Structures are given as C-alpha cells and as structure tokens.
Amino acid sequence: MVSYVIRRTLIMVPTLIFISMLVFAIIELPPGDYFESYVQELRVLGESADLQEIEELKARYGFDNPLPIRYLHWAWGLLQGDFGYSFDYRMPVNDVVGDRLYLTIIVSFFTIIFTWIVAFPIGLYSATHQYSWGDYGLTFLGLLGIAIPQFMLAIIMMYFANIWFGTSIGSLMDAEFVGEPMSWPKFWSVVEHMWIPVVIIGTGGTAAMIRRLRANLLDELRKQYVVTARAKGLSPRRVVWKYPLRMALNFFIADIGSLLPAIISGAEITAIVLSLETTGPMLIRALQAQDMYLAGSFLMFLAFLTVIGVLISDIALGILDPRIRLDGGSRK
C-alpha cells in the first residue's frame, strides 16, 4: 500500500504538468486575447478603450513574450500560490474568488450529503423489494429526477415559491450581506437559503445514484455466495448487510474522483438561474471573456482535485473490497 501511494504521487507530477500545458494551450487556442475582445466590446457599445492602460497590462504580464515563456511564467506563479491577475475584474484572482469558493464548497458539500442520505435507503429498499409497489413508485420518481433538468426544476420552484408564498428563492443570502465579508449573521443567512439549491442540485444526482445502487445490489444478491448464505439459514438482514451491500458500495467510493472537482465547479446553469454566488458562473464568464489567469487557475484547481480524488478513491476501494489489489501482478 505504501509503495502504491508513493508511486501514484510521483505519477501525479508529470500528469499535472501535462494538464497545465493542455489547459494553457486550450485557453490560448482561440484567436486574439482578452484585450482584443475587450476593445471590440467597447467599440460595439460606442465607448473608447484606454489603449495606454492596455499596453501597460500587456507588458506587465508578458503578453508580448512567446507562448513558452508565458506558460513558464504562469506555471511558476501557480507553484508559488500566485494565480495571476483577472483582467475582467481588474484585481488578483485570489481576491476575485473570495467568498465564492467557500460558498461553493458549503453548497456542494451539503448537496453530496443530501444525495447520499436520500439515495442510500431508497436504493437499498428498492433492491430488497424488487417489483413491489414501493419499488415501482421509487423507480418512477428516480426516472423523473433523471429526466427533468436541474435548471428547469429551479425555474419551476422559483415560480411556485413566488405564486404560493410570494417569496423569491434566488441568491444564497439576504441582499444586505452581498459583497460583505463572512460573518456569523451572513453564515446563518447562507444556511437559511441553502436548502433550496441543495435540493434542486441534489435531485438529479440522487435519482441516478438510486438506480446505480439498486442495479449493483441486485447483481450481488443473485450471486452464489448469497444463495449459500440463505441456504445456511442466515437472517435476510444479515445476508444483505454482511457482504452484498459492502460490494455494491464500490461506486460510491469510486465517485470521489468526480465529486471533488464538482465541489468547486458546481452546477453552473442552475447557479445562473438561481443567481447563486458560486464559482460556476464565474468560470463560465472567465472562459467567455478569455480571462486566461482566472480560467486557467480554475481549470488547474479542478484537475488537481480530480487527481487527488482518484487517488483517494483507489486507496479506499483497496481497503473496502479485498478483491481489488493495488500492488499488481498475479497472486498464487
């Protein structure tokens, strides 16, 4: 196990280097840069740009240098914790992200907890009561959750909240806390508003996870060792909890690799519909505006979380399931 972790950690270094090159190339691939897009946007609006300021920014951040030099400058800044300067927001990337990163982590964390709490008992019941009325009803609800897009569910909830209760469910906090530093009153305001986006974002993931847990558990319950356990007279509860459920949970652990980056990226379209102060809409805006330092920092952070998440899930799977061996080779 120790040698496996060391080997995987060493492999992470060239992997992240290659991803950083790919991210930088993708951001630089569209013609022009942020400054050209900015000047064109001002011309469309009938305004004039401060060309001297633009030239100073280009010289300061090396936009006149060749691409390899610019990549090395950007990568070295990432290693030092300097994520660069956001030209769109006119401030350092660290200041732009601000509370949005913490709010995104809070919302996504509780969304994951909500998904697991709802999906786990429903999937277990549906698998152990196959073809019952409860199974059919829960399956129908699961299919609805998969079929309805999250942004459409957000619009529906916004409409009925306004019609029935005369209230708006947009934003993550009361208006007086927007733009203010984090404090206990602001935190509790976020908690009060958070349950709506958590339910909306978690609905799709809950429905999909119910179906996966049901399918995996049904597959395990049909295997020979379960039939043998039942023939020996073990109670139905012990037959399910002893090994089949444990083996069926593998995909929960395997999902860690995708859950960690999802904590930061969040549900972008749903966040835009609900006017959530999360990082998803900011990432979309950065990509549209070719704000390379802001977009590149987001993408690299997502890549880092993906690599870490896959490592954690592989180690956890090796501990949970004895059939999975991390050392490779054949076993006699």
Protein backbone atom coordinates (compact mmCIF):
# COMPACT_ATOMS: atom_id res chain seq x y z
CA MET A 1 0.00 0.00 0.00
CA VAL A 2 2.77 2.47 0.93
CA SER A 3 4.70 1.80 -2.27
CA TYR A 4 1.49 2.21 -4.28
CA VAL A 5 0.76 5.62 -2.72
CA ILE A 6 4.33 6.80 -3.33
CA ARG A 7 4.25 5.59 -6.93
CA ARG A 8 0.90 7.26 -7.63
CA THR A 9 2.04 10.50 -6.00
CA LEU A 10 5.11 10.60 -8.22
CA ILE A 11 2.97 9.94 -11.29
CA MET A 12 0.78 12.92 -10.33
CA VAL A 13 3.64 15.36 -11.04
CA PRO A 14 4.04 14.69 -14.79
CA THR A 15 0.27 14.30 -15.07
CA LEU A 16 -0.37 17.78 -13.69
CA ILE A 17 2.42 19.24 -15.82
CA PHE A 18 0.85 17.77 -18.96
CA ILE A 19 -2.61 19.02 -17.89
CA SER A 20 -1.22 22.53 -17.29
CA MET A 21 0.23 22.56 -20.82
CA LEU A 22 -3.08 21.37 -22.23
CA VAL A 23 -5.07 23.95 -20.26
CA PHE A 24 -2.76 26.76 -21.34
CA ALA A 25 -2.95 25.64 -24.98
CA ILE A 26 -6.76 25.45 -24.91
CA ILE A 27 -7.05 28.94 -23.39
CA GLU A 28 -4.65 30.35 -25.99
CA LEU A 29 -6.24 28.45 -28.87
CA PRO A 30 -8.99 30.98 -29.79
CA PRO A 31 -7.72 33.87 -31.94
CA GLY A 32 -6.83 37.06 -30.11
CA ASP A 33 -6.82 37.56 -26.36
CA TYR A 34 -8.83 39.24 -23.62
CA PHE A 35 -7.66 42.73 -24.54
CA GLU A 36 -8.77 42.44 -28.16
CA SER A 37 -12.16 41.12 -27.07
CA TYR A 38 -12.44 43.95 -24.54
CA VAL A 39 -11.66 46.63 -27.12
CA GLN A 40 -14.16 45.15 -29.58
CA GLU A 41 -16.84 45.02 -26.88
CA LEU A 42 -16.30 48.69 -26.02
CA ARG A 43 -16.46 49.66 -29.70
CA VAL A 44 -19.80 47.87 -30.06
CA LEU A 45 -21.09 49.88 -27.08
CA GLY A 46 -19.79 53.10 -28.64
CA GLU A 47 -17.12 53.66 -25.98
CA SER A 48 -13.38 54.10 -26.29
CA ALA A 49 -10.75 51.99 -24.52
CA ASP A 50 -7.70 53.27 -22.67
CA LEU A 51 -5.09 51.88 -25.05
CA GLN A 52 -2.21 53.06 -22.87
CA GLU A 53 -3.52 51.09 -19.88
CA ILE A 54 -3.99 48.01 -22.07
CA GLU A 55 -0.42 48.22 -23.36
CA GLU A 56 0.88 48.58 -19.80
CA LEU A 57 -1.03 45.47 -18.70
CA LYS A 58 0.24 43.54 -21.70
CA ALA A 59 3.83 44.49 -20.91
CA ARG A 60 3.45 43.78 -17.18
CA TYR A 61 2.09 40.27 -17.67
CA GLY A 62 4.28 39.38 -20.64
CA PHE A 63 1.66 39.14 -23.37
CA ASP A 64 4.30 40.24 -25.86
CA ASN A 65 6.51 37.25 -24.99
CA PRO A 66 6.43 33.93 -26.87
CA LEU A 67 3.94 31.31 -25.70
CA PRO A 68 6.52 29.04 -23.99
CA ILE A 69 7.79 31.97 -21.89
CA ARG A 70 4.26 32.95 -20.95
CA TYR A 71 3.44 29.36 -19.97
CA LEU A 72 6.53 29.08 -17.75
CA HIS A 73 5.69 32.41 -16.10
CA TRP A 74 2.11 31.27 -15.44
CA ALA A 75 3.11 27.81 -14.17
CA TRP A 76 5.78 29.24 -11.86
CA GLY A 77 3.21 31.60 -10.39
CA LEU A 78 0.86 28.69 -9.69
CA LEU A 79 3.60 26.87 -7.79
CA GLN A 80 4.12 29.96 -5.62
CA GLY A 81 0.41 30.41 -4.93
CA ASP A 82 0.13 33.41 -7.27
CA PHE A 83 -2.84 32.69 -9.52
CA GLY A 84 -2.34 35.81 -11.58
CA TYR A 85 -4.44 38.85 -12.36
CA SER A 86 -8.03 38.86 -13.58
CA PHE A 87 -8.27 41.44 -16.34
CA ASP A 88 -12.04 41.20 -16.43
CA TYR A 89 -12.42 42.07 -12.72
CA ARG A 90 -9.32 44.29 -12.52
CA MET A 91 -7.95 42.56 -9.41
CA PRO A 92 -5.87 39.50 -8.44
CA VAL A 93 -7.52 36.13 -8.95
CA ASN A 94 -7.24 35.32 -5.23
CA ASP A 95 -9.35 38.39 -4.43
CA VAL A 96 -11.84 37.71 -7.23
CA VAL A 97 -12.66 34.22 -5.99
CA GLY A 98 -13.04 35.45 -2.41
CA ASP A 99 -16.09 34.09 -0.60
CA ARG A 100 -17.41 32.42 -3.75
CA LEU A 101 -15.05 29.48 -3.23
CA TYR A 102 -16.19 28.95 0.37
CA LEU A 103 -19.87 29.28 -0.61
CA THR A 104 -19.41 26.76 -3.41
CA ILE A 105 -17.72 24.28 -1.07
CA ILE A 106 -20.51 24.66 1.51
CA VAL A 107 -23.32 24.19 -1.02
CA SER A 108 -21.65 21.27 -2.79
CA PHE A 109 -20.72 19.52 0.48
CA PHE A 110 -24.28 19.58 1.76
CA THR A 111 -25.53 18.55 -1.68
CA ILE A 112 -23.33 15.45 -1.54
CA ILE A 113 -24.55 14.64 1.99
CA PHE A 114 -28.18 15.13 0.89
CA THR A 115 -27.63 12.88 -2.13
CA TRP A 116 -26.15 10.06 -0.07
CA ILE A 117 -28.71 10.29 2.75
CA VAL A 118 -31.64 10.11 0.31
CA ALA A 119 -30.20 7.67 -2.24
CA PHE A 120 -28.80 5.09 0.15
CA PRO A 121 -32.00 3.95 1.96
CA ILE A 122 -34.18 4.25 -1.17
CA GLY A 123 -31.77 2.22 -3.29
CA LEU A 124 -31.48 -0.40 -0.54
CA TYR A 125 -35.25 -0.70 -0.18
CA SER A 126 -35.82 -0.82 -3.93
CA ALA A 127 -33.27 -3.63 -4.39
CA THR A 128 -34.54 -5.76 -1.49
CA HIS A 129 -38.22 -5.29 -2.51
CA GLN A 130 -37.86 -5.81 -6.24
CA TYR A 131 -41.06 -5.47 -8.32
CA SER A 132 -43.09 -4.29 -5.32
CA TRP A 133 -45.30 -1.21 -5.47
CA GLY A 134 -42.68 0.67 -3.47
CA ASP A 135 -40.02 -0.34 -6.00
CA TYR A 136 -42.18 0.83 -8.92
CA GLY A 137 -43.00 4.13 -7.22
CA LEU A 138 -39.41 4.90 -6.26
CA THR A 139 -38.23 3.90 -9.74
CA PHE A 140 -40.74 6.29 -11.27
CA LEU A 141 -39.56 9.12 -9.04
CA GLY A 142 -35.96 8.27 -9.88
CA LEU A 143 -36.67 8.43 -13.60
CA LEU A 144 -38.39 11.80 -13.12
CA GLY A 145 -35.34 13.10 -11.29
CA ILE A 146 -33.09 11.99 -14.14
CA ALA A 147 -35.40 13.28 -16.88
CA ILE A 148 -36.04 16.79 -15.51
CA PRO A 149 -33.03 19.12 -15.99
CA GLN A 150 -31.87 20.88 -12.86
CA PHE A 151 -32.28 24.36 -14.31
CA MET A 152 -35.91 23.56 -15.27
CA LEU A 153 -36.61 22.30 -11.75
CA ALA A 154 -35.10 25.54 -10.42
CA ILE A 155 -37.41 27.63 -12.63
CA ILE A 156 -40.45 25.59 -11.53
CA MET A 157 -39.58 26.01 -7.84
CA MET A 158 -38.98 29.73 -8.31
CA TYR A 159 -42.39 30.11 -9.97
CA PHE A 160 -44.39 28.22 -7.34
CA ALA A 161 -42.50 29.85 -4.47
CA ASN A 162 -43.50 33.23 -5.87
CA ILE A 163 -47.11 32.21 -6.58
CA TRP A 164 -47.82 30.31 -3.36
CA PHE A 165 -45.63 32.10 -0.82
CA GLY A 166 -44.86 35.42 -2.51
CA THR A 167 -41.15 34.98 -1.93
CA SER A 168 -38.05 34.85 -4.10
CA ILE A 169 -35.68 31.90 -3.72
CA GLY A 170 -32.83 33.35 -5.74
CA SER A 171 -29.38 34.08 -4.27
CA LEU A 172 -27.64 32.39 -1.36
CA MET A 173 -28.11 35.14 1.19
CA ASP A 174 -30.12 38.23 2.06
CA ALA A 175 -29.42 41.33 -0.01
CA GLU A 176 -27.66 43.20 2.81
CA PHE A 177 -24.93 40.53 3.03
CA VAL A 178 -23.99 40.52 -0.68
CA GLY A 179 -20.40 41.71 -1.05
CA GLU A 180 -19.83 41.79 2.72
CA PRO A 181 -17.07 39.77 4.43
CA MET A 182 -18.02 36.47 6.01
CA SER A 183 -19.56 36.81 9.48
CA TRP A 184 -21.89 34.77 11.65
CA PRO A 185 -25.04 36.65 10.53
CA LYS A 186 -24.00 36.17 6.90
CA PHE A 187 -23.25 32.49 7.53
CA TRP A 188 -26.67 31.85 9.05
CA SER A 189 -28.30 33.72 6.16
CA VAL A 190 -26.49 31.35 3.78
CA VAL A 191 -27.70 28.35 5.80
CA GLU A 192 -31.31 29.58 5.62
CA HIS A 193 -31.17 29.99 1.83
CA MET A 194 -29.05 26.92 1.11
CA TRP A 195 -31.65 24.16 1.32
CA ILE A 196 -33.32 25.16 -1.95
CA PRO A 197 -30.24 24.87 -4.22
CA VAL A 198 -29.17 21.75 -2.30
CA VAL A 199 -32.48 20.03 -3.07
CA ILE A 200 -32.51 21.19 -6.70
CA ILE A 201 -28.90 20.27 -7.48
CA GLY A 202 -29.07 17.05 -5.49
CA THR A 203 -32.24 15.75 -7.16
CA GLY A 204 -30.56 14.62 -10.37
CA GLY A 205 -27.62 13.04 -8.58
CA THR A 206 -29.92 11.33 -6.09
CA ALA A 207 -32.05 9.77 -8.80
CA ALA A 208 -29.02 8.46 -10.71
CA MET A 209 -27.41 7.09 -7.55
CA ILE A 210 -30.61 5.26 -6.56
CA ARG A 211 -30.66 3.47 -9.90
CA ARG A 212 -26.97 2.55 -9.67
CA LEU A 213 -27.21 1.27 -6.10
CA ARG A 214 -30.29 -0.78 -6.94
CA ALA A 215 -28.63 -2.33 -10.01
CA ASN A 216 -25.36 -3.14 -8.21
CA LEU A 217 -27.09 -4.59 -5.16
CA LEU A 218 -29.43 -6.73 -7.25
CA ASP A 219 -26.42 -8.10 -9.11
CA GLU A 220 -24.72 -9.04 -5.83
CA LEU A 221 -27.87 -10.60 -4.36
CA ARG A 222 -28.06 -13.05 -7.28
CA LYS A 223 -24.53 -14.39 -6.76
CA GLN A 224 -23.79 -17.85 -5.42
CA TYR A 225 -22.36 -16.79 -2.06
CA VAL A 226 -25.62 -15.04 -1.19
CA VAL A 227 -27.63 -18.12 -2.16
CA THR A 228 -25.34 -20.24 0.03
CA ALA A 229 -25.73 -17.83 2.97
CA ARG A 230 -29.51 -18.02 2.70
CA ALA A 231 -29.37 -21.81 2.49
CA LYS A 232 -27.41 -21.89 5.75
CA GLY A 233 -30.27 -20.08 7.48
CA LEU A 234 -28.79 -16.61 7.92
CA SER A 235 -31.33 -13.87 8.52
CA PRO A 236 -32.27 -11.75 5.45
CA ARG A 237 -30.91 -8.61 7.14
CA ARG A 238 -27.52 -10.21 7.82
CA VAL A 239 -27.36 -11.69 4.32
CA VAL A 240 -27.76 -8.20 2.81
CA TRP A 241 -25.52 -6.24 5.18
CA LYS A 242 -22.66 -8.72 5.52
CA TYR A 243 -21.17 -8.66 2.00
CA PRO A 244 -23.60 -7.72 -0.84
CA LEU A 245 -24.18 -4.15 0.35
CA ARG A 246 -20.49 -3.70 1.02
CA MET A 247 -19.61 -4.79 -2.51
CA ALA A 248 -22.40 -2.67 -4.01
CA LEU A 249 -20.96 0.47 -2.40
CA ASN A 250 -17.87 0.40 -4.60
CA PHE A 251 -19.25 3.01 -6.95
CA PHE A 252 -19.90 5.39 -4.02
CA ILE A 253 -16.17 5.32 -3.31
CA ALA A 254 -15.22 5.43 -7.00
CA ASP A 255 -17.26 8.64 -7.38
CA ILE A 256 -14.89 10.57 -5.09
CA GLY A 257 -12.70 11.34 -8.11
CA SER A 258 -15.56 13.22 -9.74
CA LEU A 259 -17.13 14.62 -6.55
CA LEU A 260 -14.11 16.70 -5.50
CA PRO A 261 -13.94 18.79 -8.70
CA ALA A 262 -17.74 19.02 -8.67
CA ILE A 263 -17.47 20.76 -5.28
CA ILE A 264 -15.72 23.68 -6.98
CA SER A 265 -17.35 23.74 -10.41
CA GLY A 266 -20.86 23.21 -9.05
CA ALA A 267 -23.99 23.19 -11.22
CA GLU A 268 -23.23 26.16 -13.43
CA ILE A 269 -26.56 26.55 -15.24
CA THR A 270 -28.57 26.08 -12.04
CA ALA A 271 -26.36 28.62 -10.27
CA ILE A 272 -27.06 31.15 -13.04
CA VAL A 273 -30.83 30.54 -12.88
CA LEU A 274 -30.90 30.89 -9.08
CA SER A 275 -28.37 33.79 -9.03
CA LEU A 276 -26.10 31.84 -6.69
CA GLU A 277 -22.84 33.46 -5.61
CA THR A 278 -20.76 30.40 -6.51
CA THR A 279 -17.76 29.82 -8.74
CA GLY A 280 -19.65 28.11 -11.57
CA PRO A 281 -20.97 31.28 -13.27
CA MET A 282 -17.59 32.95 -12.71
CA LEU A 283 -15.81 30.13 -14.52
CA ILE A 284 -18.18 30.39 -17.50
CA ARG A 285 -17.68 34.16 -17.61
CA ALA A 286 -13.90 33.76 -17.49
CA LEU A 287 -13.93 31.29 -20.40
CA GLN A 288 -16.19 33.53 -22.47
CA ALA A 289 -14.05 36.62 -21.83
CA GLN A 290 -10.74 34.76 -22.38
CA ASP A 291 -9.63 35.87 -18.92
CA MET A 292 -6.77 33.39 -19.02
CA TYR A 293 -5.42 33.68 -15.48
CA LEU A 294 -8.84 33.30 -13.86
CA ALA A 295 -9.99 30.49 -16.19
CA GLY A 296 -6.62 28.71 -16.11
CA SER A 297 -6.45 28.79 -12.32
CA PHE A 298 -9.96 27.31 -12.07
CA LEU A 299 -9.21 24.54 -14.56
CA MET A 300 -5.90 23.64 -12.91
CA PHE A 301 -7.53 23.50 -9.49
CA LEU A 302 -10.23 21.20 -10.88
CA ALA A 303 -7.56 18.98 -12.43
CA PHE A 304 -5.66 18.83 -9.13
CA LEU A 305 -8.82 17.86 -7.23
CA THR A 306 -9.59 15.19 -9.84
CA VAL A 307 -6.15 13.60 -9.49
CA ILE A 308 -6.35 13.70 -5.67
CA GLY A 309 -9.90 12.33 -5.72
CA VAL A 310 -8.97 9.39 -7.95
CA LEU A 311 -6.05 8.56 -5.65
CA ILE A 312 -8.28 8.65 -2.56
CA SER A 313 -10.96 6.51 -4.23
CA ASP A 314 -8.40 3.90 -5.36
CA ILE A 315 -6.96 3.60 -1.86
CA ALA A 316 -10.42 3.43 -0.27
CA LEU A 317 -11.56 0.78 -2.76
CA GLY A 318 -8.50 -1.32 -1.96
CA ILE A 319 -9.40 -1.17 1.74
CA LEU A 320 -13.14 -1.74 1.23
CA ASP A 321 -13.02 -4.55 -1.32
CA PRO A 322 -10.44 -7.34 -0.76
CA ARG A 323 -10.86 -8.40 -4.40
CA ILE A 324 -9.09 -5.22 -5.51
CA ARG A 325 -5.30 -5.41 -5.32
CA LEU A 326 -3.17 -2.29 -5.63
CA ASP A 327 0.20 -3.99 -5.93
CA GLY A 328 -0.46 -5.60 -9.36
CA GLY A 329 0.95 -8.89 -10.57
CA SER A 330 -0.54 -12.33 -10.12
CA ARG A 331 -1.37 -13.99 -6.83
CA LYS A 332 -0.84 -17.72 -6.41
